[in-house]
Amino acid sequence: MLKSSKLNHGVGVVDSIFFTTKHIKMNHVNLIGKVVSEPRFYELPTGRKVAQFTMSTKETYLDEEGNTKKKSHWHRISGWGRWVQVIEELGSVGLEVAVEGKLTTRFFHRNNAKQFISEVEINDLVIL
């Protein structure tokens, strides 16, 4: 049962018997879709391996006139550790997967400019 408690800097805090929302900091992503690029595999100078691929998800919504519309979203996915071997063995274009993970952002320098990349890092992957 949720109840509102004291205000904290002008923002209401909601409490439950399990937690206080002011203590929650969450980075959680769930995606269900298809692999749309051949997986790529890299080995870092440290020896650590990473697998990357792109997956597509679809969204259905109603426009202002009530017509059904479809939209595709493309997501960069990365897998470390044991996920590299799983993706090497099973990853292929067209494979339907469910990915649970976290959103990460990293940067690198290209042509004297700082470039940012956001991707979903796999915590769990299920082949559908």
C-alpha atoms as a PDB file:
ATOM      1  CA  MET A   1       0.000   0.000   0.000  1.00  0.00           C
ATOM      2  CA  LEU A   2       1.504   3.313  -1.113  1.00  0.00           C
ATOM      3  CA  LYS A   3       1.080   6.465   0.886  1.00  0.00           C
ATOM      4  CA  SER A   4       2.373   9.957   0.399  1.00  0.00           C
ATOM      5  CA  SER A   5       4.791  11.229   2.988  1.00  0.00           C
ATOM      6  CA  LYS A   6       6.643  14.469   3.639  1.00  0.00           C
ATOM      7  CA  LEU A   7       7.711  16.714   0.821  1.00  0.00           C
ATOM      8  CA  ASN A   8      11.379  16.677  -0.097  1.00  0.00           C
ATOM      9  CA  HIS A   9      12.585  19.835  -1.892  1.00  0.00           C
ATOM     10  CA  GLY A  10       9.122  20.425  -3.314  1.00  0.00           C
ATOM     11  CA  VAL A  11       8.785  16.853  -4.632  1.00  0.00           C
ATOM     12  CA  GLY A  12       6.412  14.395  -2.972  1.00  0.00           C
ATOM     13  CA  VAL A  13       7.953  11.154  -1.747  1.00  0.00           C
ATOM     14  CA  VAL A  14       5.859   7.986  -1.961  1.00  0.00           C
ATOM     15  CA  ASP A  15       6.507   5.246   0.593  1.00  0.00           C
ATOM     16  CA  SER A  16       5.557   1.594   0.566  1.00  0.00           C
ATOM     17  CA  ILE A  17       6.131  -1.153   3.097  1.00  0.00           C
ATOM     18  CA  PHE A  18       9.181  -2.218   1.024  1.00  0.00           C
ATOM     19  CA  PHE A  19      11.000   0.988   0.120  1.00  0.00           C
ATOM     20  CA  THR A  20      11.005   4.753  -0.093  1.00  0.00           C
ATOM     21  CA  THR A  21      11.172   6.025  -3.663  1.00  0.00           C
ATOM     22  CA  LYS A  22      13.812   8.604  -2.773  1.00  0.00           C
ATOM     23  CA  HIS A  23      16.250   5.657  -2.444  1.00  0.00           C
ATOM     24  CA  ILE A  24      15.482   4.167  -5.865  1.00  0.00           C
ATOM     25  CA  LYS A  25      17.915   4.802  -8.674  1.00  0.00           C
ATOM     26  CA  MET A  26      17.165   2.507 -11.583  1.00  0.00           C
ATOM     27  CA  ASN A  27      18.683   1.839 -15.008  1.00  0.00           C
ATOM     28  CA  HIS A  28      16.661  -0.982 -16.530  1.00  0.00           C
ATOM     29  CA  VAL A  29      15.806  -1.755 -20.169  1.00  0.00           C
ATOM     30  CA  ASN A  30      13.582  -4.524 -21.585  1.00  0.00           C
ATOM     31  CA  LEU A  31      13.346  -5.000 -25.360  1.00  0.00           C
ATOM     32  CA  ILE A  32      11.666  -7.625 -27.538  1.00  0.00           C
ATOM     33  CA  GLY A  33      12.475  -7.620 -31.224  1.00  0.00           C
ATOM     34  CA  LYS A  34      14.652  -8.974 -34.031  1.00  0.00           C
ATOM     35  CA  VAL A  35      18.378  -8.986 -34.642  1.00  0.00           C
ATOM     36  CA  VAL A  36      18.866  -6.860 -37.788  1.00  0.00           C
ATOM     37  CA  SER A  37      22.657  -6.807 -38.181  1.00  0.00           C
ATOM     38  CA  GLU A  38      25.278  -9.525 -38.170  1.00  0.00           C
ATOM     39  CA  PRO A  39      26.942  -9.552 -34.748  1.00  0.00           C
ATOM     40  CA  ARG A  40      30.403  -7.965 -34.602  1.00  0.00           C
ATOM     41  CA  PHE A  41      33.077  -9.156 -32.203  1.00  0.00           C
ATOM     42  CA  TYR A  42      35.933  -7.138 -30.745  1.00  0.00           C
ATOM     43  CA  GLU A  43      38.765  -7.773 -28.340  1.00  0.00           C
ATOM     44  CA  LEU A  44      39.926  -4.833 -26.267  1.00  0.00           C
ATOM     45  CA  PRO A  45      43.620  -4.210 -25.496  1.00  0.00           C
ATOM     46  CA  THR A  46      42.911  -5.613 -22.020  1.00  0.00           C
ATOM     47  CA  GLY A  47      41.885  -8.947 -23.578  1.00  0.00           C
ATOM     48  CA  ARG A  48      38.219  -8.473 -22.697  1.00  0.00           C
ATOM     49  CA  LYS A  49      35.824  -9.426 -25.523  1.00  0.00           C
ATOM     50  CA  VAL A  50      32.597  -7.719 -26.565  1.00  0.00           C
ATOM     51  CA  ALA A  51      29.861  -8.636 -29.031  1.00  0.00           C
ATOM     52  CA  GLN A  52      27.668  -5.976 -30.629  1.00  0.00           C
ATOM     53  CA  PHE A  53      24.601  -6.119 -32.837  1.00  0.00           C
ATOM     54  CA  THR A  54      21.601  -4.009 -33.739  1.00  0.00           C
ATOM     55  CA  MET A  55      18.062  -5.053 -32.953  1.00  0.00           C
ATOM     56  CA  SER A  56      14.775  -3.601 -34.108  1.00  0.00           C
ATOM     57  CA  THR A  57      11.594  -3.222 -32.097  1.00  0.00           C
ATOM     58  CA  LYS A  58       8.189  -2.186 -33.396  1.00  0.00           C
ATOM     59  CA  GLU A  59       5.617   0.114 -31.859  1.00  0.00           C
ATOM     60  CA  THR A  60       1.942   0.436 -32.804  1.00  0.00           C
ATOM     61  CA  TYR A  61       0.029   3.606 -31.950  1.00  0.00           C
ATOM     62  CA  LEU A  62      -2.980   5.693 -32.995  1.00  0.00           C
ATOM     63  CA  ASP A  63      -2.431   9.033 -34.722  1.00  0.00           C
ATOM     64  CA  GLU A  64      -4.576  12.133 -34.132  1.00  0.00           C
ATOM     65  CA  GLU A  65      -7.250  10.852 -36.552  1.00  0.00           C
ATOM     66  CA  GLY A  66      -7.463   7.407 -34.930  1.00  0.00           C
ATOM     67  CA  ASN A  67      -5.504   5.595 -37.654  1.00  0.00           C
ATOM     68  CA  THR A  68      -3.208   2.759 -36.622  1.00  0.00           C
ATOM     69  CA  LYS A  69       0.441   3.555 -37.299  1.00  0.00           C
ATOM     70  CA  LYS A  70       3.578   1.442 -36.924  1.00  0.00           C
ATOM     71  CA  LYS A  71       7.048   2.668 -36.098  1.00  0.00           C
ATOM     72  CA  SER A  72      10.361   0.808 -35.891  1.00  0.00           C
ATOM     73  CA  HIS A  73      13.090   1.611 -33.395  1.00  0.00           C
ATOM     74  CA  TRP A  74      16.724   0.528 -33.766  1.00  0.00           C
ATOM     75  CA  HIS A  75      18.842  -0.296 -30.718  1.00  0.00           C
ATOM     76  CA  ARG A  76      22.574  -0.897 -30.386  1.00  0.00           C
ATOM     77  CA  ILE A  77      23.143  -3.931 -28.132  1.00  0.00           C
ATOM     78  CA  SER A  78      26.410  -5.061 -26.516  1.00  0.00           C
ATOM     79  CA  GLY A  79      27.256  -8.254 -24.685  1.00  0.00           C
ATOM     80  CA  TRP A  80      30.272  -8.955 -22.483  1.00  0.00           C
ATOM     81  CA  GLY A  81      31.630 -12.064 -20.799  1.00  0.00           C
ATOM     82  CA  ARG A  82      29.558 -15.197 -21.364  1.00  0.00           C
ATOM     83  CA  TRP A  83      27.209 -13.348 -23.733  1.00  0.00           C
ATOM     84  CA  VAL A  84      29.988 -13.123 -26.342  1.00  0.00           C
ATOM     85  CA  GLN A  85      30.030 -16.920 -26.710  1.00  0.00           C
ATOM     86  CA  VAL A  86      26.215 -17.132 -26.767  1.00  0.00           C
ATOM     87  CA  ILE A  87      26.011 -14.496 -29.506  1.00  0.00           C
ATOM     88  CA  GLU A  88      28.840 -16.189 -31.481  1.00  0.00           C
ATOM     89  CA  GLU A  89      26.970 -19.497 -31.445  1.00  0.00           C
ATOM     90  CA  LEU A  90      23.376 -18.345 -31.826  1.00  0.00           C
ATOM     91  CA  GLY A  91      23.285 -14.750 -33.033  1.00  0.00           C
ATOM     92  CA  SER A  92      22.093 -14.218 -36.601  1.00  0.00           C
ATOM     93  CA  VAL A  93      19.998 -11.751 -38.563  1.00  0.00           C
ATOM     94  CA  GLY A  94      16.267 -12.379 -38.154  1.00  0.00           C
ATOM     95  CA  LEU A  95      16.557 -14.061 -34.759  1.00  0.00           C
ATOM     96  CA  GLU A  96      13.790 -12.949 -32.377  1.00  0.00           C
ATOM     97  CA  VAL A  97      15.136 -12.109 -28.923  1.00  0.00           C
ATOM     98  CA  ALA A  98      14.161 -10.572 -25.620  1.00  0.00           C
ATOM     99  CA  VAL A  99      16.936  -8.491 -24.053  1.00  0.00           C
ATOM    100  CA  GLU A 100      17.052  -7.312 -20.455  1.00  0.00           C
ATOM    101  CA  GLY A 101      19.846  -4.942 -19.587  1.00  0.00           C
ATOM    102  CA  LYS A 102      20.955  -1.438 -18.756  1.00  0.00           C
ATOM    103  CA  LEU A 103      21.540   1.672 -20.825  1.00  0.00           C
ATOM    104  CA  THR A 104      25.209   2.647 -21.014  1.00  0.00           C
ATOM    105  CA  THR A 105      26.937   5.572 -22.671  1.00  0.00           C
ATOM    106  CA  ARG A 106      30.581   5.716 -23.646  1.00  0.00           C
ATOM    107  CA  PHE A 107      32.696   8.101 -25.647  1.00  0.00           C
ATOM    108  CA  PHE A 108      35.695   8.069 -27.930  1.00  0.00           C
ATOM    109  CA  HIS A 109      37.624  10.613 -29.968  1.00  0.00           C
ATOM    110  CA  ARG A 110      37.348  10.708 -33.766  1.00  0.00           C
ATOM    111  CA  ASN A 111      38.829  13.481 -35.918  1.00  0.00           C
ATOM    112  CA  ASN A 112      39.581  15.542 -32.785  1.00  0.00           C
ATOM    113  CA  ALA A 113      35.911  15.443 -31.795  1.00  0.00           C
ATOM    114  CA  LYS A 114      34.374  13.616 -28.830  1.00  0.00           C
ATOM    115  CA  GLN A 115      31.782  11.073 -30.014  1.00  0.00           C
ATOM    116  CA  PHE A 116      29.155   9.505 -27.738  1.00  0.00           C
ATOM    117  CA  ILE A 117      27.459   6.139 -28.157  1.00  0.00           C
ATOM    118  CA  SER A 118      24.537   4.851 -26.108  1.00  0.00           C
ATOM    119  CA  GLU A 119      23.782   1.152 -26.099  1.00  0.00           C
ATOM    120  CA  VAL A 120      21.968  -1.493 -24.112  1.00  0.00           C
ATOM    121  CA  GLU A 121      24.361  -3.770 -22.218  1.00  0.00           C
ATOM    122  CA  ILE A 122      22.928  -7.296 -21.892  1.00  0.00           C
ATOM    123  CA  ASN A 123      22.189  -8.677 -18.440  1.00  0.00           C
ATOM    124  CA  ASP A 124      19.958 -11.437 -19.823  1.00  0.00           C
ATOM    125  CA  LEU A 125      19.003 -12.581 -23.315  1.00  0.00           C
ATOM    126  CA  VAL A 126      16.255 -15.024 -24.290  1.00  0.00           C
ATOM    127  CA  ILE A 127      15.841 -16.428 -27.789  1.00  0.00           C
ATOM    128  CA  LEU A 128      12.157 -16.499 -28.687  1.00  0.00           C
END
